[in-house]
Amino acid sequence: MSAEGSVYLELLKALPAQYPRDPSAPGVHASYLGPRDGFYASVKRFTEPYGKGELVVCSAKGATLGDALARVAKAWLAKGGQHPKLASAVLAYEESRALAEVVPGGGRTE
């Protein structure tokens, strides 16, 4: 599984574990905003059954879907979300992105 896929999967697993009493399962929303604005991701909870009473817990944008997911996961963790595997997945994603930016010869892209 890709690093961004791991972030998404662990975030999806973490939310119902964090909010077991919510009347509808919490989730992640992701959207493509276009070539100029990239991607948007948010963590949502619901105050009523069947996905009604939507509450956005946190949101983030990124140039790639993985960036948006990693940023929203970090925002959720910073707000008190607890899930060690999610924190590890975010770190692995960030390390994979840093390695992808390294160019031959030891320099970095700008």
PDB file of N, CA and C in Angstrom:
ATOM      1  N   MET A   1       0.842  -1.175   0.000  1.00  0.00           N
ATOM      2  CA  MET A   1       0.000   0.000   0.000  1.00  0.00           C
ATOM      3  C   MET A   1       0.887   1.238   0.000  1.00  0.00           C
ATOM      4  N   SER A   2       0.453   2.247  -0.719  1.00  0.00           N
ATOM      5  CA  SER A   2       1.225   3.486  -0.777  1.00  0.00           C
ATOM      6  C   SER A   2       1.207   4.190   0.568  1.00  0.00           C
ATOM      7  N   ALA A   3       2.132   5.104   0.759  1.00  0.00           N
ATOM      8  CA  ALA A   3       2.194   5.876   2.005  1.00  0.00           C
ATOM      9  C   ALA A   3       0.933   6.721   2.172  1.00  0.00           C
ATOM     10  N   GLU A   4       0.436   7.332   1.089  1.00  0.00           N
ATOM     11  CA  GLU A   4      -0.785   8.142   1.221  1.00  0.00           C
ATOM     12  C   GLU A   4      -1.990   7.250   1.495  1.00  0.00           C
ATOM     13  N   GLY A   5      -1.998   6.040   0.916  1.00  0.00           N
ATOM     14  CA  GLY A   5      -3.077   5.096   1.200  1.00  0.00           C
ATOM     15  C   GLY A   5      -3.092   4.688   2.659  1.00  0.00           C
ATOM     16  N   SER A   6      -1.914   4.524   3.243  1.00  0.00           N
ATOM     17  CA  SER A   6      -1.819   4.179   4.670  1.00  0.00           C
ATOM     18  C   SER A   6      -2.360   5.300   5.549  1.00  0.00           C
ATOM     19  N   VAL A   7      -2.065   6.546   5.201  1.00  0.00           N
ATOM     20  CA  VAL A   7      -2.595   7.683   5.970  1.00  0.00           C
ATOM     21  C   VAL A   7      -4.112   7.659   5.920  1.00  0.00           C
ATOM     22  N   TYR A   8      -4.666   7.493   4.724  1.00  0.00           N
ATOM     23  CA  TYR A   8      -6.117   7.484   4.555  1.00  0.00           C
ATOM     24  C   TYR A   8      -6.753   6.342   5.347  1.00  0.00           C
ATOM     25  N   LEU A   9      -6.208   5.134   5.214  1.00  0.00           N
ATOM     26  CA  LEU A   9      -6.757   3.974   5.908  1.00  0.00           C
ATOM     27  C   LEU A   9      -6.696   4.147   7.424  1.00  0.00           C
ATOM     28  N   GLU A  10      -5.553   4.580   7.945  1.00  0.00           N
ATOM     29  CA  GLU A  10      -5.428   4.739   9.400  1.00  0.00           C
ATOM     30  C   GLU A  10      -6.337   5.852   9.930  1.00  0.00           C
ATOM     31  N   LEU A  11      -6.518   6.913   9.150  1.00  0.00           N
ATOM     32  CA  LEU A  11      -7.434   7.975   9.558  1.00  0.00           C
ATOM     33  C   LEU A  11      -8.860   7.445   9.602  1.00  0.00           C
ATOM     34  N   LEU A  12      -9.245   6.681   8.590  1.00  0.00           N
ATOM     35  CA  LEU A  12     -10.592   6.094   8.577  1.00  0.00           C
ATOM     36  C   LEU A  12     -10.815   5.154   9.757  1.00  0.00           C
ATOM     37  N   LYS A  13      -9.789   4.413  10.147  1.00  0.00           N
ATOM     38  CA  LYS A  13      -9.891   3.505  11.299  1.00  0.00           C
ATOM     39  C   LYS A  13      -9.933   4.277  12.617  1.00  0.00           C
ATOM     40  N   ALA A  14      -9.192   5.374  12.685  1.00  0.00           N
ATOM     41  CA  ALA A  14      -9.068   6.127  13.931  1.00  0.00           C
ATOM     42  C   ALA A  14     -10.365   6.834  14.322  1.00  0.00           C
ATOM     43  N   LEU A  15     -11.092   7.334  13.351  1.00  0.00           N
ATOM     44  CA  LEU A  15     -12.263   8.164  13.656  1.00  0.00           C
ATOM     45  C   LEU A  15     -13.355   7.427  14.427  1.00  0.00           C
ATOM     46  N   PRO A  16     -13.830   6.262  13.987  1.00  0.00           N
ATOM     47  CA  PRO A  16     -14.857   5.591  14.789  1.00  0.00           C
ATOM     48  C   PRO A  16     -14.346   5.118  16.144  1.00  0.00           C
ATOM     49  N   ALA A  17     -13.043   4.841  16.229  1.00  0.00           N
ATOM     50  CA  ALA A  17     -12.466   4.461  17.523  1.00  0.00           C
ATOM     51  C   ALA A  17     -12.478   5.649  18.485  1.00  0.00           C
ATOM     52  N   GLN A  18     -12.252   6.857  17.950  1.00  0.00           N
ATOM     53  CA  GLN A  18     -12.225   8.065  18.773  1.00  0.00           C
ATOM     54  C   GLN A  18     -13.642   8.518  19.161  1.00  0.00           C
ATOM     55  N   TYR A  19     -14.602   8.290  18.258  1.00  0.00           N
ATOM     56  CA  TYR A  19     -15.971   8.771  18.472  1.00  0.00           C
ATOM     57  C   TYR A  19     -16.964   7.615  18.391  1.00  0.00           C
ATOM     58  N   PRO A  20     -16.873   6.639  19.293  1.00  0.00           N
ATOM     59  CA  PRO A  20     -17.730   5.448  19.181  1.00  0.00           C
ATOM     60  C   PRO A  20     -19.214   5.717  19.427  1.00  0.00           C
ATOM     61  N   ARG A  21     -19.558   6.793  20.077  1.00  0.00           N
ATOM     62  CA  ARG A  21     -20.965   7.062  20.410  1.00  0.00           C
ATOM     63  C   ARG A  21     -21.675   7.967  19.398  1.00  0.00           C
ATOM     64  N   ASP A  22     -20.972   8.398  18.368  1.00  0.00           N
ATOM     65  CA  ASP A  22     -21.613   9.230  17.348  1.00  0.00           C
ATOM     66  C   ASP A  22     -22.742   8.442  16.679  1.00  0.00           C
ATOM     67  N   PRO A  23     -23.878   9.105  16.395  1.00  0.00           N
ATOM     68  CA  PRO A  23     -25.016   8.405  15.790  1.00  0.00           C
ATOM     69  C   PRO A  23     -24.781   7.966  14.342  1.00  0.00           C
ATOM     70  N   SER A  24     -23.870   8.589  13.649  1.00  0.00           N
ATOM     71  CA  SER A  24     -23.435   8.163  12.309  1.00  0.00           C
ATOM     72  C   SER A  24     -21.917   8.094  12.341  1.00  0.00           C
ATOM     73  N   ALA A  25     -21.359   7.171  11.579  1.00  0.00           N
ATOM     74  CA  ALA A  25     -19.906   7.008  11.573  1.00  0.00           C
ATOM     75  C   ALA A  25     -19.225   8.269  11.046  1.00  0.00           C
ATOM     76  N   PRO A  26     -18.217   8.755  11.755  1.00  0.00           N
ATOM     77  CA  PRO A  26     -17.448   9.897  11.252  1.00  0.00           C
ATOM     78  C   PRO A  26     -16.659   9.476  10.028  1.00  0.00           C
ATOM     79  N   GLY A  27     -16.210  10.459   9.250  1.00  0.00           N
ATOM     80  CA  GLY A  27     -15.485  10.105   8.043  1.00  0.00           C
ATOM     81  C   GLY A  27     -14.577  11.196   7.537  1.00  0.00           C
ATOM     82  N   VAL A  28     -14.002  10.922   6.380  1.00  0.00           N
ATOM     83  CA  VAL A  28     -13.084  11.835   5.718  1.00  0.00           C
ATOM     84  C   VAL A  28     -13.697  12.215   4.382  1.00  0.00           C
ATOM     85  N   HIS A  29     -13.686  13.491   4.100  1.00  0.00           N
ATOM     86  CA  HIS A  29     -14.166  14.000   2.812  1.00  0.00           C
ATOM     87  C   HIS A  29     -12.951  14.539   2.069  1.00  0.00           C
ATOM     88  N   ALA A  30     -12.843  14.190   0.794  1.00  0.00           N
ATOM     89  CA  ALA A  30     -11.741  14.706  -0.030  1.00  0.00           C
ATOM     90  C   ALA A  30     -12.307  15.213  -1.346  1.00  0.00           C
ATOM     91  N   SER A  31     -11.770  16.335  -1.807  1.00  0.00           N
ATOM     92  CA  SER A  31     -12.216  16.943  -3.064  1.00  0.00           C
ATOM     93  C   SER A  31     -11.028  17.465  -3.847  1.00  0.00           C
ATOM     94  N   TYR A  32     -11.178  17.429  -5.171  1.00  0.00           N
ATOM     95  CA  TYR A  32     -10.197  18.044  -6.063  1.00  0.00           C
ATOM     96  C   TYR A  32     -10.707  19.436  -6.391  1.00  0.00           C
ATOM     97  N   LEU A  33      -9.914  20.448  -6.109  1.00  0.00           N
ATOM     98  CA  LEU A  33     -10.325  21.836  -6.296  1.00  0.00           C
ATOM     99  C   LEU A  33      -9.867  22.420  -7.626  1.00  0.00           C
ATOM    100  N   GLY A  34      -9.130  21.665  -8.380  1.00  0.00           N
ATOM    101  CA  GLY A  34      -8.642  22.134  -9.665  1.00  0.00           C
ATOM    102  C   GLY A  34      -7.133  22.257  -9.666  1.00  0.00           C
ATOM    103  N   PRO A  35      -6.561  22.458 -10.859  1.00  0.00           N
ATOM    104  CA  PRO A  35      -5.101  22.478 -10.961  1.00  0.00           C
ATOM    105  C   PRO A  35      -4.441  23.604 -10.176  1.00  0.00           C
ATOM    106  N   ARG A  36      -5.129  24.686  -9.975  1.00  0.00           N
ATOM    107  CA  ARG A  36      -4.541  25.809  -9.241  1.00  0.00           C
ATOM    108  C   ARG A  36      -4.591  25.619  -7.724  1.00  0.00           C
ATOM    109  N   ASP A  37      -5.672  25.019  -7.238  1.00  0.00           N
ATOM    110  CA  ASP A  37      -5.876  24.928  -5.791  1.00  0.00           C
ATOM    111  C   ASP A  37      -5.592  23.552  -5.196  1.00  0.00           C
ATOM    112  N   GLY A  38      -5.407  22.537  -6.025  1.00  0.00           N
ATOM    113  CA  GLY A  38      -5.046  21.223  -5.522  1.00  0.00           C
ATOM    114  C   GLY A  38      -6.199  20.469  -4.894  1.00  0.00           C
ATOM    115  N   PHE A  39      -5.968  19.930  -3.697  1.00  0.00           N
ATOM    116  CA  PHE A  39      -6.934  19.057  -3.035  1.00  0.00           C
ATOM    117  C   PHE A  39      -7.334  19.608  -1.665  1.00  0.00           C
ATOM    118  N   TYR A  40      -8.523  19.222  -1.239  1.00  0.00           N
ATOM    119  CA  TYR A  40      -9.084  19.599   0.058  1.00  0.00           C
ATOM    120  C   TYR A  40      -9.473  18.308   0.766  1.00  0.00           C
ATOM    121  N   ALA A  41      -9.230  18.233   2.056  1.00  0.00           N
ATOM    122  CA  ALA A  41      -9.670  17.089   2.856  1.00  0.00           C
ATOM    123  C   ALA A  41     -10.190  17.599   4.190  1.00  0.00           C
ATOM    124  N   SER A  42     -11.199  16.925   4.718  1.00  0.00           N
ATOM    125  CA  SER A  42     -11.732  17.303   6.026  1.00  0.00           C
ATOM    126  C   SER A  42     -12.144  16.055   6.798  1.00  0.00           C
ATOM    127  N   VAL A  43     -12.131  16.199   8.118  1.00  0.00           N
ATOM    128  CA  VAL A  43     -12.655  15.178   9.018  1.00  0.00           C
ATOM    129  C   VAL A  43     -14.023  15.665   9.445  1.00  0.00           C
ATOM    130  N   LYS A  44     -15.032  14.781   9.282  1.00  0.00           N
ATOM    131  CA  LYS A  44     -16.409  15.161   9.613  1.00  0.00           C
ATOM    132  C   LYS A  44     -17.007  14.213  10.638  1.00  0.00           C
ATOM    133  N   ARG A  45     -17.788  14.801  11.533  1.00  0.00           N
ATOM    134  CA  ARG A  45     -18.603  14.045  12.473  1.00  0.00           C
ATOM    135  C   ARG A  45     -20.056  14.412  12.195  1.00  0.00           C
ATOM    136  N   PHE A  46     -20.959  13.604  12.716  1.00  0.00           N
ATOM    137  CA  PHE A  46     -22.378  13.843  12.497  1.00  0.00           C
ATOM    138  C   PHE A  46     -23.114  13.782  13.831  1.00  0.00           C
ATOM    139  N   THR A  47     -24.001  14.743  14.064  1.00  0.00           N
ATOM    140  CA  THR A  47     -24.730  14.818  15.323  1.00  0.00           C
ATOM    141  C   THR A  47     -26.045  14.063  15.278  1.00  0.00           C
ATOM    142  N   GLU A  48     -26.438  13.597  14.078  1.00  0.00           N
ATOM    143  CA  GLU A  48     -27.692  12.866  13.907  1.00  0.00           C
ATOM    144  C   GLU A  48     -27.440  11.626  13.055  1.00  0.00           C
ATOM    145  N   PRO A  49     -28.345  10.649  13.144  1.00  0.00           N
ATOM    146  CA  PRO A  49     -28.190   9.456  12.308  1.00  0.00           C
ATOM    147  C   PRO A  49     -28.263   9.775  10.813  1.00  0.00           C
ATOM    148  N   TYR A  50     -27.772   8.840  10.017  1.00  0.00           N
ATOM    149  CA  TYR A  50     -27.831   8.907   8.556  1.00  0.00           C
ATOM    150  C   TYR A  50     -27.087  10.103   7.972  1.00  0.00           C
ATOM    151  N   GLY A  51     -25.993  10.490   8.598  1.00  0.00           N
ATOM    152  CA  GLY A  51     -25.136  11.538   8.052  1.00  0.00           C
ATOM    153  C   GLY A  51     -25.713  12.934   8.121  1.00  0.00           C
ATOM    154  N   LYS A  52     -26.635  13.167   9.022  1.00  0.00           N
ATOM    155  CA  LYS A  52     -27.204  14.517   9.157  1.00  0.00           C
ATOM    156  C   LYS A  52     -26.533  15.232  10.325  1.00  0.00           C
ATOM    157  N   GLY A  53     -26.619  16.564  10.335  1.00  0.00           N
ATOM    158  CA  GLY A  53     -25.991  17.338  11.395  1.00  0.00           C
ATOM    159  C   GLY A  53     -24.480  17.315  11.280  1.00  0.00           C
ATOM    160  N   GLU A  54     -23.990  17.595  10.086  1.00  0.00           N
ATOM    161  CA  GLU A  54     -22.558  17.524   9.797  1.00  0.00           C
ATOM    162  C   GLU A  54     -21.764  18.570  10.590  1.00  0.00           C
ATOM    163  N   LEU A  55     -20.634  18.143  11.123  1.00  0.00           N
ATOM    164  CA  LEU A  55     -19.718  19.013  11.848  1.00  0.00           C
ATOM    165  C   LEU A  55     -18.314  18.778  11.312  1.00  0.00           C
ATOM    166  N   VAL A  56     -17.692  19.802  10.756  1.00  0.00           N
ATOM    167  CA  VAL A  56     -16.318  19.667  10.266  1.00  0.00           C
ATOM    168  C   VAL A  56     -15.375  19.880  11.452  1.00  0.00           C
ATOM    169  N   VAL A  57     -14.621  18.854  11.780  1.00  0.00           N
ATOM    170  CA  VAL A  57     -13.688  18.897  12.909  1.00  0.00           C
ATOM    171  C   VAL A  57     -12.423  19.651  12.522  1.00  0.00           C
ATOM    172  N   CYS A  58     -11.906  19.379  11.326  1.00  0.00           N
ATOM    173  CA  CYS A  58     -10.724  20.063  10.819  1.00  0.00           C
ATOM    174  C   CYS A  58     -10.651  19.847   9.316  1.00  0.00           C
ATOM    175  N   SER A  59      -9.901  20.714   8.667  1.00  0.00           N
ATOM    176  CA  SER A  59      -9.750  20.601   7.216  1.00  0.00           C
ATOM    177  C   SER A  59      -8.369  21.096   6.810  1.00  0.00           C
ATOM    178  N   ALA A  60      -7.975  20.721   5.591  1.00  0.00           N
ATOM    179  CA  ALA A  60      -6.656  21.118   5.085  1.00  0.00           C
ATOM    180  C   ALA A  60      -6.665  21.053   3.564  1.00  0.00           C
ATOM    181  N   LYS A  61      -5.742  21.792   2.971  1.00  0.00           N
ATOM    182  CA  LYS A  61      -5.516  21.737   1.530  1.00  0.00           C
ATOM    183  C   LYS A  61      -4.102  21.241   1.273  1.00  0.00           C
ATOM    184  N   GLY A  62      -3.887  20.697   0.077  1.00  0.00           N
ATOM    185  CA  GLY A  62      -2.565  20.255  -0.317  1.00  0.00           C
ATOM    186  C   GLY A  62      -2.448  20.214  -1.821  1.00  0.00           C
ATOM    187  N   ALA A  63      -1.226  20.261  -2.316  1.00  0.00           N
ATOM    188  CA  ALA A  63      -0.977  20.202  -3.754  1.00  0.00           C
ATOM    189  C   ALA A  63      -1.351  18.833  -4.316  1.00  0.00           C
ATOM    190  N   THR A  64      -1.203  17.793  -3.503  1.00  0.00           N
ATOM    191  CA  THR A  64      -1.583  16.436  -3.900  1.00  0.00           C
ATOM    192  C   THR A  64      -2.610  15.916  -2.904  1.00  0.00           C
ATOM    193  N   LEU A  65      -3.297  14.843  -3.293  1.00  0.00           N
ATOM    194  CA  LEU A  65      -4.253  14.238  -2.373  1.00  0.00           C
ATOM    195  C   LEU A  65      -3.550  13.769  -1.102  1.00  0.00           C
ATOM    196  N   GLY A  66      -2.384  13.166  -1.259  1.00  0.00           N
ATOM    197  CA  GLY A  66      -1.626  12.712  -0.090  1.00  0.00           C
ATOM    198  C   GLY A  66      -1.263  13.840   0.847  1.00  0.00           C
ATOM    199  N   ASP A  67      -0.862  14.976   0.285  1.00  0.00           N
ATOM    200  CA  ASP A  67      -0.535  16.138   1.122  1.00  0.00           C
ATOM    201  C   ASP A  67      -1.757  16.597   1.911  1.00  0.00           C
ATOM    202  N   ALA A  68      -2.907  16.689   1.250  1.00  0.00           N
ATOM    203  CA  ALA A  68      -4.127  17.132   1.935  1.00  0.00           C
ATOM    204  C   ALA A  68      -4.513  16.147   3.034  1.00  0.00           C
ATOM    205  N   LEU A  69      -4.430  14.849   2.753  1.00  0.00           N
ATOM    206  CA  LEU A  69      -4.763  13.841   3.768  1.00  0.00           C
ATOM    207  C   LEU A  69      -3.792  13.880   4.943  1.00  0.00           C
ATOM    208  N   ALA A  70      -2.501  13.999   4.661  1.00  0.00           N
ATOM    209  CA  ALA A  70      -1.515  14.062   5.745  1.00  0.00           C
ATOM    210  C   ALA A  70      -1.730  15.307   6.598  1.00  0.00           C
ATOM    211  N   ARG A  71      -2.024  16.430   5.966  1.00  0.00           N
ATOM    212  CA  ARG A  71      -2.242  17.664   6.724  1.00  0.00           C
ATOM    213  C   ARG A  71      -3.504  17.601   7.567  1.00  0.00           C
ATOM    214  N   VAL A  72      -4.572  17.026   7.023  1.00  0.00           N
ATOM    215  CA  VAL A  72      -5.791  16.935   7.826  1.00  0.00           C
ATOM    216  C   VAL A  72      -5.607  15.924   8.957  1.00  0.00           C
ATOM    217  N   ALA A  73      -4.843  14.862   8.711  1.00  0.00           N
ATOM    218  CA  ALA A  73      -4.556  13.896   9.775  1.00  0.00           C
ATOM    219  C   ALA A  73      -3.753  14.553  10.895  1.00  0.00           C
ATOM    220  N   LYS A  74      -2.741  15.348  10.525  1.00  0.00           N
ATOM    221  CA  LYS A  74      -1.953  16.059  11.541  1.00  0.00           C
ATOM    222  C   LYS A  74      -2.824  17.052  12.314  1.00  0.00           C
ATOM    223  N   ALA A  75      -3.730  17.734  11.617  1.00  0.00           N
ATOM    224  CA  ALA A  75      -4.624  18.685  12.285  1.00  0.00           C
ATOM    225  C   ALA A  75      -5.538  17.951  13.263  1.00  0.00           C
ATOM    226  N   TRP A  76      -6.038  16.793  12.856  1.00  0.00           N
ATOM    227  CA  TRP A  76      -6.910  16.013  13.728  1.00  0.00           C
ATOM    228  C   TRP A  76      -6.137  15.513  14.957  1.00  0.00           C
ATOM    229  N   LEU A  77      -4.929  15.034  14.753  1.00  0.00           N
ATOM    230  CA  LEU A  77      -4.107  14.593  15.878  1.00  0.00           C
ATOM    231  C   LEU A  77      -3.802  15.761  16.819  1.00  0.00           C
ATOM    232  N   ALA A  78      -3.556  16.945  16.271  1.00  0.00           N
ATOM    233  CA  ALA A  78      -3.256  18.133  17.088  1.00  0.00           C
ATOM    234  C   ALA A  78      -4.464  18.556  17.908  1.00  0.00           C
ATOM    235  N   LYS A  79      -5.670  18.232  17.434  1.00  0.00           N
ATOM    236  CA  LYS A  79      -6.889  18.578  18.175  1.00  0.00           C
ATOM    237  C   LYS A  79      -7.238  17.533  19.227  1.00  0.00           C
ATOM    238  N   GLY A  80      -6.358  16.583  19.437  1.00  0.00           N
ATOM    239  CA  GLY A  80      -6.586  15.603  20.486  1.00  0.00           C
ATOM    240  C   GLY A  80      -6.917  14.213  19.990  1.00  0.00           C
ATOM    241  N   GLY A  81      -6.907  14.009  18.670  1.00  0.00           N
ATOM    242  CA  GLY A  81      -7.120  12.670  18.147  1.00  0.00           C
ATOM    243  C   GLY A  81      -5.997  11.752  18.596  1.00  0.00           C
ATOM    244  N   GLN A  82      -6.352  10.513  18.916  1.00  0.00           N
ATOM    245  CA  GLN A  82      -5.334   9.584  19.406  1.00  0.00           C
ATOM    246  C   GLN A  82      -5.366   8.312  18.580  1.00  0.00           C
ATOM    247  N   HIS A  83      -4.269   8.057  17.899  1.00  0.00           N
ATOM    248  CA  HIS A  83      -4.148   6.838  17.111  1.00  0.00           C
ATOM    249  C   HIS A  83      -2.679   6.720  16.697  1.00  0.00           C
ATOM    250  N   PRO A  84      -1.889   5.913  17.429  1.00  0.00           N
ATOM    251  CA  PRO A  84      -0.452   5.819  17.154  1.00  0.00           C
ATOM    252  C   PRO A  84      -0.126   5.385  15.720  1.00  0.00           C
ATOM    253  N   LYS A  85      -0.925   4.483  15.143  1.00  0.00           N
ATOM    254  CA  LYS A  85      -0.639   4.035  13.779  1.00  0.00           C
ATOM    255  C   LYS A  85      -0.846   5.171  12.784  1.00  0.00           C
ATOM    256  N   LEU A  86      -1.773   6.074  13.065  1.00  0.00           N
ATOM    257  CA  LEU A  86      -1.990   7.214  12.180  1.00  0.00           C
ATOM    258  C   LEU A  86      -0.781   8.142  12.225  1.00  0.00           C
ATOM    259  N   ALA A  87      -0.299   8.419  13.418  1.00  0.00           N
ATOM    260  CA  ALA A  87       0.887   9.280  13.542  1.00  0.00           C
ATOM    261  C   ALA A  87       2.070   8.667  12.794  1.00  0.00           C
ATOM    262  N   SER A  88       2.239   7.356  12.890  1.00  0.00           N
ATOM    263  CA  SER A  88       3.326   6.676  12.177  1.00  0.00           C
ATOM    264  C   SER A  88       3.125   6.745  10.672  1.00  0.00           C
ATOM    265  N   ALA A  89       1.878   6.598  10.219  1.00  0.00           N
ATOM    266  CA  ALA A  89       1.587   6.654   8.784  1.00  0.00           C
ATOM    267  C   ALA A  89       1.866   8.048   8.228  1.00  0.00           C
ATOM    268  N   VAL A  90       1.519   9.086   8.993  1.00  0.00           N
ATOM    269  CA  VAL A  90       1.786  10.457   8.552  1.00  0.00           C
ATOM    270  C   VAL A  90       3.290  10.683   8.445  1.00  0.00           C
ATOM    271  N   LEU A  91       4.029  10.226   9.432  1.00  0.00           N
ATOM    272  CA  LEU A  91       5.486  10.366   9.403  1.00  0.00           C
ATOM    273  C   LEU A  91       6.082   9.629   8.204  1.00  0.00           C
ATOM    274  N   ALA A  92       5.614   8.421   7.941  1.00  0.00           N
ATOM    275  CA  ALA A  92       6.116   7.657   6.795  1.00  0.00           C
ATOM    276  C   ALA A  92       5.789   8.372   5.483  1.00  0.00           C
ATOM    277  N   TYR A  93       4.599   8.966   5.393  1.00  0.00           N
ATOM    278  CA  TYR A  93       4.236   9.713   4.190  1.00  0.00           C
ATOM    279  C   TYR A  93       5.169  10.907   4.004  1.00  0.00           C
ATOM    280  N   GLU A  94       5.381  11.659   5.079  1.00  0.00           N
ATOM    281  CA  GLU A  94       6.248  12.840   4.993  1.00  0.00           C
ATOM    282  C   GLU A  94       7.672  12.447   4.610  1.00  0.00           C
ATOM    283  N   GLU A  95       8.168  11.341   5.144  1.00  0.00           N
ATOM    284  CA  GLU A  95       9.511  10.881   4.786  1.00  0.00           C
ATOM    285  C   GLU A  95       9.570  10.458   3.319  1.00  0.00           C
ATOM    286  N   SER A  96       8.506   9.810   2.832  1.00  0.00           N
ATOM    287  CA  SER A  96       8.498   9.391   1.427  1.00  0.00           C
ATOM    288  C   SER A  96       8.470  10.600   0.501  1.00  0.00           C
ATOM    289  N   ARG A  97       7.753  11.648   0.891  1.00  0.00           N
ATOM    290  CA  ARG A  97       7.709  12.874   0.083  1.00  0.00           C
ATOM    291  C   ARG A  97       9.073  13.558   0.087  1.00  0.00           C
ATOM    292  N   ALA A  98       9.734  13.569   1.243  1.00  0.00           N
ATOM    293  CA  ALA A  98      11.055  14.194   1.331  1.00  0.00           C
ATOM    294  C   ALA A  98      12.049  13.447   0.453  1.00  0.00           C
ATOM    295  N   LEU A  99      11.977  12.115   0.443  1.00  0.00           N
ATOM    296  CA  LEU A  99      12.871  11.328  -0.400  1.00  0.00           C
ATOM    297  C   LEU A  99      12.577  11.554  -1.870  1.00  0.00           C
ATOM    298  N   ALA A 100      11.323  11.737  -2.223  1.00  0.00           N
ATOM    299  CA  ALA A 100      10.949  11.962  -3.618  1.00  0.00           C
ATOM    300  C   ALA A 100      11.476  13.297  -4.124  1.00  0.00           C
ATOM    301  N   GLU A 101      11.693  14.240  -3.211  1.00  0.00           N
ATOM    302  CA  GLU A 101      12.173  15.561  -3.593  1.00  0.00           C
ATOM    303  C   GLU A 101      13.685  15.600  -3.809  1.00  0.00           C
ATOM    304  N   VAL A 102      14.384  14.605  -3.300  1.00  0.00           N
ATOM    305  CA  VAL A 102      15.841  14.556  -3.449  1.00  0.00           C
ATOM    306  C   VAL A 102      16.163  14.201  -4.898  1.00  0.00           C
ATOM    307  N   VAL A 103      17.045  14.966  -5.488  1.00  0.00           N
ATOM    308  CA  VAL A 103      17.430  14.709  -6.868  1.00  0.00           C
ATOM    309  C   VAL A 103      18.841  14.115  -6.907  1.00  0.00           C
ATOM    310  N   PRO A 104      19.194  13.408  -7.977  1.00  0.00           N
ATOM    311  CA  PRO A 104      20.547  12.844  -8.064  1.00  0.00           C
ATOM    312  C   PRO A 104      21.610  13.917  -7.853  1.00  0.00           C
ATOM    313  N   GLY A 105      22.650  13.556  -7.163  1.00  0.00           N
ATOM    314  CA  GLY A 105      23.727  14.506  -6.881  1.00  0.00           C
ATOM    315  C   GLY A 105      23.606  15.114  -5.497  1.00  0.00           C
ATOM    316  N   GLY A 106      22.569  14.711  -4.744  1.00  0.00           N
ATOM    317  CA  GLY A 106      22.434  15.176  -3.370  1.00  0.00           C
ATOM    318  C   GLY A 106      21.698  16.481  -3.193  1.00  0.00           C
ATOM    319  N   GLY A 107      21.324  17.148  -4.267  1.00  0.00           N
ATOM    320  CA  GLY A 107      20.575  18.393  -4.127  1.00  0.00           C
ATOM    321  C   GLY A 107      19.107  18.136  -3.899  1.00  0.00           C
ATOM    322  N   ARG A 108      18.370  19.192  -3.715  1.00  0.00           N
ATOM    323  CA  ARG A 108      16.918  19.091  -3.525  1.00  0.00           C
ATOM    324  C   ARG A 108      16.250  19.949  -4.583  1.00  0.00           C
ATOM    325  N   THR A 109      15.050  19.556  -4.931  1.00  0.00           N
ATOM    326  CA  THR A 109      14.298  20.369  -5.882  1.00  0.00           C
ATOM    327  C   THR A 109      13.789  21.608  -5.179  1.00  0.00           C
ATOM    328  N   GLU A 110      13.447  22.615  -5.925  1.00  0.00           N
ATOM    329  CA  GLU A 110      12.951  23.856  -5.320  1.00  0.00           C
ATOM    330  C   GLU A 110      11.483  23.998  -5.556  1.00  0.00           C
TER     331      GLU A 110
END
